[in-house]
N, C-alpha and C. Protein backbone atom coordinates (compact mmCIF):
# COMPACT_ATOMS: atom_id res chain seq x y z
N MET A 1 -31.33 8.70 14.50
CA MET A 1 -29.99 8.25 14.22
C MET A 1 -29.48 7.46 15.42
N VAL A 2 -28.90 6.32 15.16
CA VAL A 2 -28.40 5.44 16.20
C VAL A 2 -26.94 5.77 16.46
N LYS A 3 -26.62 6.03 17.72
CA LYS A 3 -25.23 6.32 18.08
C LYS A 3 -24.50 5.03 18.38
N LYS A 4 -23.26 4.98 17.95
CA LYS A 4 -22.44 3.82 18.27
C LYS A 4 -21.92 3.98 19.69
N SER A 5 -21.94 2.90 20.41
CA SER A 5 -21.43 2.95 21.77
C SER A 5 -19.91 2.95 21.73
N SER A 6 -19.30 3.38 22.83
CA SER A 6 -17.84 3.38 22.90
C SER A 6 -17.30 1.95 22.87
N LYS A 7 -18.14 0.99 23.29
CA LYS A 7 -17.73 -0.41 23.26
C LYS A 7 -17.52 -0.89 21.82
N SER A 8 -18.41 -0.48 20.90
CA SER A 8 -18.26 -0.90 19.50
C SER A 8 -17.07 -0.20 18.85
N LYS A 9 -16.75 1.01 19.27
CA LYS A 9 -15.57 1.70 18.74
C LYS A 9 -14.29 1.01 19.18
N GLU A 10 -14.28 0.50 20.39
CA GLU A 10 -13.09 -0.20 20.88
C GLU A 10 -12.86 -1.49 20.09
N LYS A 11 -13.91 -2.10 19.61
CA LYS A 11 -13.76 -3.31 18.80
C LYS A 11 -13.05 -3.01 17.49
N LEU A 12 -13.16 -1.78 17.03
CA LEU A 12 -12.56 -1.40 15.76
C LEU A 12 -11.19 -0.75 15.95
N ARG A 13 -10.45 -1.22 16.91
CA ARG A 13 -9.10 -0.73 17.15
C ARG A 13 -8.11 -1.85 16.88
N GLY A 14 -6.91 -1.46 16.58
CA GLY A 14 -5.86 -2.45 16.40
C GLY A 14 -5.66 -2.87 14.96
N LEU A 15 -4.59 -3.58 14.76
CA LEU A 15 -4.23 -4.03 13.42
C LEU A 15 -4.92 -5.36 13.12
N GLY A 16 -6.20 -5.30 12.96
CA GLY A 16 -6.99 -6.48 12.66
C GLY A 16 -8.05 -6.17 11.63
N GLY A 17 -9.00 -7.05 11.50
CA GLY A 17 -10.08 -6.85 10.54
C GLY A 17 -9.54 -6.72 9.13
N TRP A 18 -10.16 -5.85 8.36
CA TRP A 18 -9.75 -5.63 6.97
C TRP A 18 -8.38 -4.97 6.88
N LEU A 19 -7.95 -4.31 7.94
CA LEU A 19 -6.66 -3.62 7.92
C LEU A 19 -5.49 -4.58 7.78
N ILE A 20 -5.70 -5.83 8.13
CA ILE A 20 -4.63 -6.82 8.00
C ILE A 20 -4.33 -7.13 6.53
N LEU A 21 -5.33 -7.01 5.66
CA LEU A 21 -5.11 -7.33 4.24
C LEU A 21 -4.12 -6.38 3.55
N PRO A 22 -4.20 -5.06 3.75
CA PRO A 22 -3.17 -4.20 3.15
C PRO A 22 -1.77 -4.47 3.73
N ILE A 23 -1.70 -4.87 4.99
CA ILE A 23 -0.40 -5.19 5.58
C ILE A 23 0.18 -6.43 4.91
N ILE A 24 -0.65 -7.44 4.71
CA ILE A 24 -0.20 -8.64 3.99
C ILE A 24 0.20 -8.26 2.57
N GLY A 25 -0.58 -7.40 1.94
CA GLY A 25 -0.26 -6.95 0.59
C GLY A 25 1.06 -6.21 0.52
N LEU A 26 1.35 -5.40 1.54
CA LEU A 26 2.63 -4.69 1.60
C LEU A 26 3.79 -5.68 1.69
N CYS A 27 3.62 -6.69 2.52
CA CYS A 27 4.69 -7.70 2.68
C CYS A 27 4.90 -8.46 1.37
N GLY A 28 3.82 -8.82 0.71
CA GLY A 28 3.94 -9.50 -0.58
C GLY A 28 4.56 -8.60 -1.63
N SER A 29 4.17 -7.34 -1.65
CA SER A 29 4.74 -6.39 -2.60
C SER A 29 6.23 -6.18 -2.34
N LEU A 30 6.60 -6.17 -1.07
CA LEU A 30 8.02 -6.02 -0.74
C LEU A 30 8.83 -7.16 -1.33
N ILE A 31 8.32 -8.37 -1.21
CA ILE A 31 9.02 -9.54 -1.77
C ILE A 31 9.11 -9.42 -3.29
N VAL A 32 8.02 -9.04 -3.94
CA VAL A 32 8.00 -8.94 -5.41
C VAL A 32 8.96 -7.87 -5.89
N PHE A 33 8.93 -6.70 -5.25
CA PHE A 33 9.80 -5.61 -5.70
C PHE A 33 11.26 -5.87 -5.37
N LEU A 34 11.53 -6.57 -4.27
CA LEU A 34 12.91 -6.96 -3.98
C LEU A 34 13.42 -7.93 -5.06
N TYR A 35 12.57 -8.84 -5.47
CA TYR A 35 12.93 -9.78 -6.53
C TYR A 35 13.17 -9.04 -7.85
N ASP A 36 12.24 -8.14 -8.21
CA ASP A 36 12.41 -7.36 -9.43
C ASP A 36 13.68 -6.53 -9.39
N PHE A 37 13.95 -5.94 -8.22
CA PHE A 37 15.15 -5.12 -8.07
C PHE A 37 16.40 -5.96 -8.25
N SER A 38 16.40 -7.16 -7.69
CA SER A 38 17.57 -8.02 -7.82
C SER A 38 17.80 -8.42 -9.28
N LEU A 39 16.72 -8.65 -10.03
CA LEU A 39 16.86 -9.00 -11.44
C LEU A 39 17.38 -7.83 -12.27
N THR A 40 16.81 -6.65 -12.07
CA THR A 40 17.25 -5.49 -12.86
C THR A 40 18.63 -5.03 -12.44
N PHE A 41 18.95 -5.20 -11.16
CA PHE A 41 20.26 -4.78 -10.67
C PHE A 41 21.37 -5.67 -11.24
N GLU A 42 21.08 -6.96 -11.42
CA GLU A 42 22.07 -7.89 -11.97
C GLU A 42 22.38 -7.58 -13.43
N THR A 43 21.37 -7.21 -14.20
CA THR A 43 21.59 -6.96 -15.63
C THR A 43 22.17 -5.56 -15.86
N SER A 44 21.50 -4.55 -15.38
CA SER A 44 21.99 -3.18 -15.48
C SER A 44 21.20 -2.31 -14.52
N PHE A 45 21.91 -1.42 -13.87
CA PHE A 45 21.26 -0.50 -12.94
C PHE A 45 20.77 0.69 -13.75
N ASP A 46 19.44 0.80 -13.92
CA ASP A 46 18.87 1.88 -14.72
C ASP A 46 17.68 2.48 -13.99
N TYR A 47 16.88 3.24 -14.71
CA TYR A 47 15.75 3.91 -14.08
C TYR A 47 14.72 2.93 -13.54
N LEU A 48 14.60 1.74 -14.13
CA LEU A 48 13.68 0.74 -13.58
C LEU A 48 14.17 0.25 -12.22
N SER A 49 15.47 0.12 -12.08
CA SER A 49 16.05 -0.27 -10.78
C SER A 49 15.78 0.80 -9.75
N LEU A 50 15.93 2.05 -10.14
CA LEU A 50 15.65 3.15 -9.21
C LEU A 50 14.18 3.19 -8.82
N TRP A 51 13.29 2.92 -9.78
CA TRP A 51 11.85 2.89 -9.49
C TRP A 51 11.54 1.77 -8.49
N ASP A 52 12.10 0.58 -8.74
CA ASP A 52 11.90 -0.54 -7.80
C ASP A 52 12.45 -0.20 -6.42
N LEU A 53 13.61 0.42 -6.39
CA LEU A 53 14.22 0.81 -5.11
C LEU A 53 13.34 1.82 -4.38
N ALA A 54 12.80 2.78 -5.11
CA ALA A 54 11.91 3.78 -4.51
C ALA A 54 10.66 3.11 -3.93
N LEU A 55 10.09 2.15 -4.66
CA LEU A 55 8.92 1.43 -4.15
C LEU A 55 9.26 0.60 -2.92
N ILE A 56 10.44 -0.02 -2.92
CA ILE A 56 10.87 -0.80 -1.76
C ILE A 56 10.97 0.10 -0.52
N VAL A 57 11.57 1.26 -0.70
CA VAL A 57 11.71 2.21 0.42
C VAL A 57 10.33 2.67 0.90
N LEU A 58 9.44 2.98 -0.05
CA LEU A 58 8.08 3.41 0.32
C LEU A 58 7.34 2.31 1.08
N ILE A 59 7.48 1.07 0.64
CA ILE A 59 6.82 -0.05 1.33
C ILE A 59 7.34 -0.18 2.76
N ILE A 60 8.65 -0.10 2.93
CA ILE A 60 9.24 -0.22 4.27
C ILE A 60 8.76 0.92 5.17
N ILE A 61 8.71 2.13 4.63
CA ILE A 61 8.23 3.28 5.41
C ILE A 61 6.76 3.09 5.79
N CYS A 62 5.96 2.57 4.85
CA CYS A 62 4.54 2.31 5.14
C CYS A 62 4.38 1.27 6.25
N LEU A 63 5.14 0.20 6.17
CA LEU A 63 5.06 -0.84 7.20
C LEU A 63 5.46 -0.30 8.57
N ILE A 64 6.53 0.46 8.62
CA ILE A 64 6.97 1.04 9.89
C ILE A 64 5.89 1.96 10.45
N ALA A 65 5.30 2.80 9.59
CA ALA A 65 4.27 3.74 10.04
C ALA A 65 3.03 3.00 10.55
N ILE A 66 2.63 1.94 9.86
CA ILE A 66 1.44 1.20 10.29
C ILE A 66 1.70 0.48 11.61
N PHE A 67 2.84 -0.21 11.72
CA PHE A 67 3.11 -0.95 12.95
C PHE A 67 3.34 -0.03 14.15
N ASN A 68 3.78 1.20 13.89
CA ASN A 68 3.92 2.19 14.96
C ASN A 68 2.66 3.02 15.14
N LYS A 69 1.63 2.69 14.34
CA LYS A 69 0.31 3.33 14.42
C LYS A 69 0.39 4.85 14.33
N LYS A 70 1.13 5.32 13.34
CA LYS A 70 1.29 6.75 13.11
C LYS A 70 0.10 7.31 12.37
N GLU A 71 -0.26 8.54 12.68
CA GLU A 71 -1.44 9.15 12.06
C GLU A 71 -1.24 9.45 10.58
N TYR A 72 0.00 9.54 10.13
CA TYR A 72 0.26 9.79 8.72
C TYR A 72 0.32 8.49 7.89
N ALA A 73 0.14 7.35 8.51
CA ALA A 73 0.17 6.07 7.79
C ALA A 73 -0.88 5.98 6.68
N PRO A 74 -2.12 6.44 6.89
CA PRO A 74 -3.08 6.37 5.78
C PRO A 74 -2.64 7.16 4.55
N LYS A 75 -2.04 8.33 4.77
CA LYS A 75 -1.56 9.12 3.64
C LYS A 75 -0.41 8.42 2.93
N LEU A 76 0.46 7.77 3.70
CA LEU A 76 1.54 7.00 3.08
C LEU A 76 0.98 5.83 2.27
N MET A 77 -0.02 5.17 2.81
CA MET A 77 -0.62 4.04 2.10
C MET A 77 -1.29 4.51 0.81
N ILE A 78 -1.95 5.64 0.85
CA ILE A 78 -2.56 6.18 -0.36
C ILE A 78 -1.47 6.52 -1.38
N SER A 79 -0.35 7.05 -0.91
CA SER A 79 0.78 7.33 -1.81
C SER A 79 1.30 6.04 -2.43
N PHE A 80 1.37 4.98 -1.64
CA PHE A 80 1.81 3.69 -2.15
C PHE A 80 0.87 3.17 -3.24
N TYR A 81 -0.43 3.29 -3.01
CA TYR A 81 -1.38 2.80 -3.99
C TYR A 81 -1.35 3.64 -5.28
N ILE A 82 -1.10 4.92 -5.14
CA ILE A 82 -0.92 5.76 -6.34
C ILE A 82 0.34 5.33 -7.09
N ALA A 83 1.40 5.01 -6.34
CA ALA A 83 2.64 4.51 -6.96
C ALA A 83 2.39 3.19 -7.68
N LEU A 84 1.52 2.34 -7.14
CA LEU A 84 1.19 1.09 -7.82
C LEU A 84 0.48 1.34 -9.15
N ILE A 85 -0.39 2.33 -9.16
CA ILE A 85 -1.06 2.69 -10.41
C ILE A 85 -0.02 3.18 -11.42
N LEU A 86 0.90 4.01 -10.96
CA LEU A 86 1.97 4.50 -11.84
C LEU A 86 2.84 3.35 -12.33
N ASN A 87 3.08 2.38 -11.47
CA ASN A 87 3.85 1.20 -11.86
C ASN A 87 3.12 0.41 -12.95
N GLY A 88 1.82 0.28 -12.81
CA GLY A 88 1.01 -0.38 -13.85
C GLY A 88 1.02 0.41 -15.15
N LEU A 89 0.99 1.73 -15.03
CA LEU A 89 1.06 2.58 -16.22
C LEU A 89 2.41 2.44 -16.91
N LEU A 90 3.46 2.37 -16.12
CA LEU A 90 4.80 2.17 -16.67
C LEU A 90 4.89 0.83 -17.41
N ALA A 91 4.33 -0.21 -16.83
CA ALA A 91 4.31 -1.53 -17.48
C ALA A 91 3.48 -1.48 -18.76
N ALA A 92 2.39 -0.73 -18.73
CA ALA A 92 1.55 -0.62 -19.93
C ALA A 92 2.30 0.08 -21.06
N ILE A 93 3.05 1.11 -20.72
CA ILE A 93 3.79 1.86 -21.73
C ILE A 93 4.97 1.06 -22.27
N LEU A 94 5.77 0.52 -21.36
CA LEU A 94 7.00 -0.16 -21.78
C LEU A 94 6.77 -1.56 -22.34
N LEU A 95 5.86 -2.29 -21.74
CA LEU A 95 5.66 -3.69 -22.11
C LEU A 95 4.39 -3.93 -22.92
N GLU A 96 3.60 -2.87 -23.08
CA GLU A 96 2.29 -2.97 -23.73
C GLU A 96 1.43 -4.06 -23.07
N ASP A 97 1.52 -4.11 -21.74
CA ASP A 97 0.75 -5.06 -20.95
C ASP A 97 -0.20 -4.26 -20.06
N TYR A 98 -1.46 -4.26 -20.41
CA TYR A 98 -2.43 -3.44 -19.71
C TYR A 98 -3.09 -4.14 -18.53
N THR A 99 -2.84 -5.44 -18.38
CA THR A 99 -3.46 -6.16 -17.26
C THR A 99 -2.97 -5.63 -15.92
N SER A 100 -1.68 -5.32 -15.84
CA SER A 100 -1.12 -4.79 -14.59
C SER A 100 -1.75 -3.45 -14.24
N LEU A 101 -1.98 -2.62 -15.24
CA LEU A 101 -2.60 -1.31 -15.02
C LEU A 101 -4.02 -1.46 -14.51
N VAL A 102 -4.77 -2.34 -15.13
CA VAL A 102 -6.17 -2.55 -14.72
C VAL A 102 -6.23 -3.12 -13.31
N GLN A 103 -5.43 -4.15 -13.04
CA GLN A 103 -5.43 -4.78 -11.71
C GLN A 103 -5.00 -3.80 -10.63
N SER A 104 -3.91 -3.08 -10.86
CA SER A 104 -3.42 -2.16 -9.84
C SER A 104 -4.39 -1.00 -9.63
N SER A 105 -5.04 -0.56 -10.70
CA SER A 105 -6.00 0.55 -10.57
C SER A 105 -7.21 0.15 -9.75
N ILE A 106 -7.76 -1.02 -10.04
CA ILE A 106 -8.95 -1.48 -9.30
C ILE A 106 -8.61 -1.70 -7.83
N ALA A 107 -7.53 -2.43 -7.57
CA ALA A 107 -7.14 -2.70 -6.17
C ALA A 107 -6.82 -1.39 -5.44
N SER A 108 -6.10 -0.50 -6.10
CA SER A 108 -5.72 0.75 -5.45
C SER A 108 -6.92 1.62 -5.13
N LEU A 109 -7.87 1.70 -6.03
CA LEU A 109 -9.06 2.50 -5.77
C LEU A 109 -9.86 1.95 -4.59
N ILE A 110 -9.93 0.63 -4.49
CA ILE A 110 -10.62 0.02 -3.35
C ILE A 110 -9.92 0.36 -2.05
N TRP A 111 -8.59 0.19 -2.00
CA TRP A 111 -7.86 0.42 -0.75
C TRP A 111 -7.72 1.89 -0.42
N ILE A 112 -7.64 2.76 -1.41
CA ILE A 112 -7.61 4.20 -1.14
C ILE A 112 -8.93 4.60 -0.48
N SER A 113 -10.04 4.09 -1.00
CA SER A 113 -11.35 4.36 -0.39
C SER A 113 -11.39 3.84 1.05
N TYR A 114 -10.86 2.64 1.25
CA TYR A 114 -10.85 2.06 2.60
C TYR A 114 -10.07 2.95 3.57
N PHE A 115 -8.90 3.41 3.17
CA PHE A 115 -8.09 4.22 4.08
C PHE A 115 -8.70 5.60 4.33
N ASN A 116 -9.56 6.06 3.45
CA ASN A 116 -10.24 7.33 3.66
C ASN A 116 -11.49 7.22 4.51
N VAL A 117 -12.14 6.04 4.53
CA VAL A 117 -13.45 5.90 5.15
C VAL A 117 -13.46 5.05 6.43
N SER A 118 -12.55 4.12 6.56
CA SER A 118 -12.60 3.11 7.61
C SER A 118 -12.52 3.68 9.03
N GLU A 119 -13.44 3.20 9.86
CA GLU A 119 -13.41 3.57 11.28
C GLU A 119 -12.20 2.94 11.98
N ARG A 120 -11.85 1.71 11.61
CA ARG A 120 -10.71 1.05 12.21
C ARG A 120 -9.43 1.84 11.94
N VAL A 121 -9.27 2.32 10.72
CA VAL A 121 -8.08 3.11 10.38
C VAL A 121 -8.06 4.38 11.22
N LYS A 122 -9.18 5.04 11.34
CA LYS A 122 -9.27 6.28 12.11
C LYS A 122 -9.00 6.02 13.60
N ASN A 123 -9.49 4.90 14.12
CA ASN A 123 -9.32 4.60 15.54
C ASN A 123 -7.94 4.04 15.88
N THR A 124 -7.32 3.36 14.93
CA THR A 124 -6.04 2.68 15.19
C THR A 124 -4.85 3.58 14.93
N LEU A 125 -4.86 4.27 13.82
CA LEU A 125 -3.70 5.06 13.42
C LEU A 125 -3.87 6.50 13.92
N VAL A 126 -3.57 6.68 15.19
CA VAL A 126 -3.81 7.99 15.83
C VAL A 126 -2.58 8.61 16.48
N ASN A 127 -1.46 7.89 16.56
CA ASN A 127 -0.26 8.43 17.23
C ASN A 127 0.39 9.52 16.43
C-alpha cells in the first residue's frame, strides 16, 4: 500500500478543486430561489413562499459554514442536497414535471457522495 505524503495532503486543502463547484452551485441556487421567492411573495405568501424562504436560509447558512471552514459544513451541504430532492419531488407532485426531480436527484447523489468521500472536504472543513 502506498502512503500519501503530507505534501500531497496539503495540496488538497482550501476552497479549490472540485469543492468550488458546489460553492458556485450554492450561489446560483441562491439567485434562483430569491427570484422564485420574489415571484411567489408578490402574488400570495403561501407554503411555497415559506419553502423558498427556508431554502434561501439554508443556502446562506451553508455558504457561511463553508467559507468559515466549519466541520459541520458537509452535513449542512448534504441537508441542502436532500432539500433539493424534496424540492424536485414537490415540483413533480404539484406541476407534474418530473425533469426537476430527476435532475436534482442525480446531482444531489453525486454531491452527497463527494461530501462523504472527498479528501479535500475532510482536510479543509476542520474548524
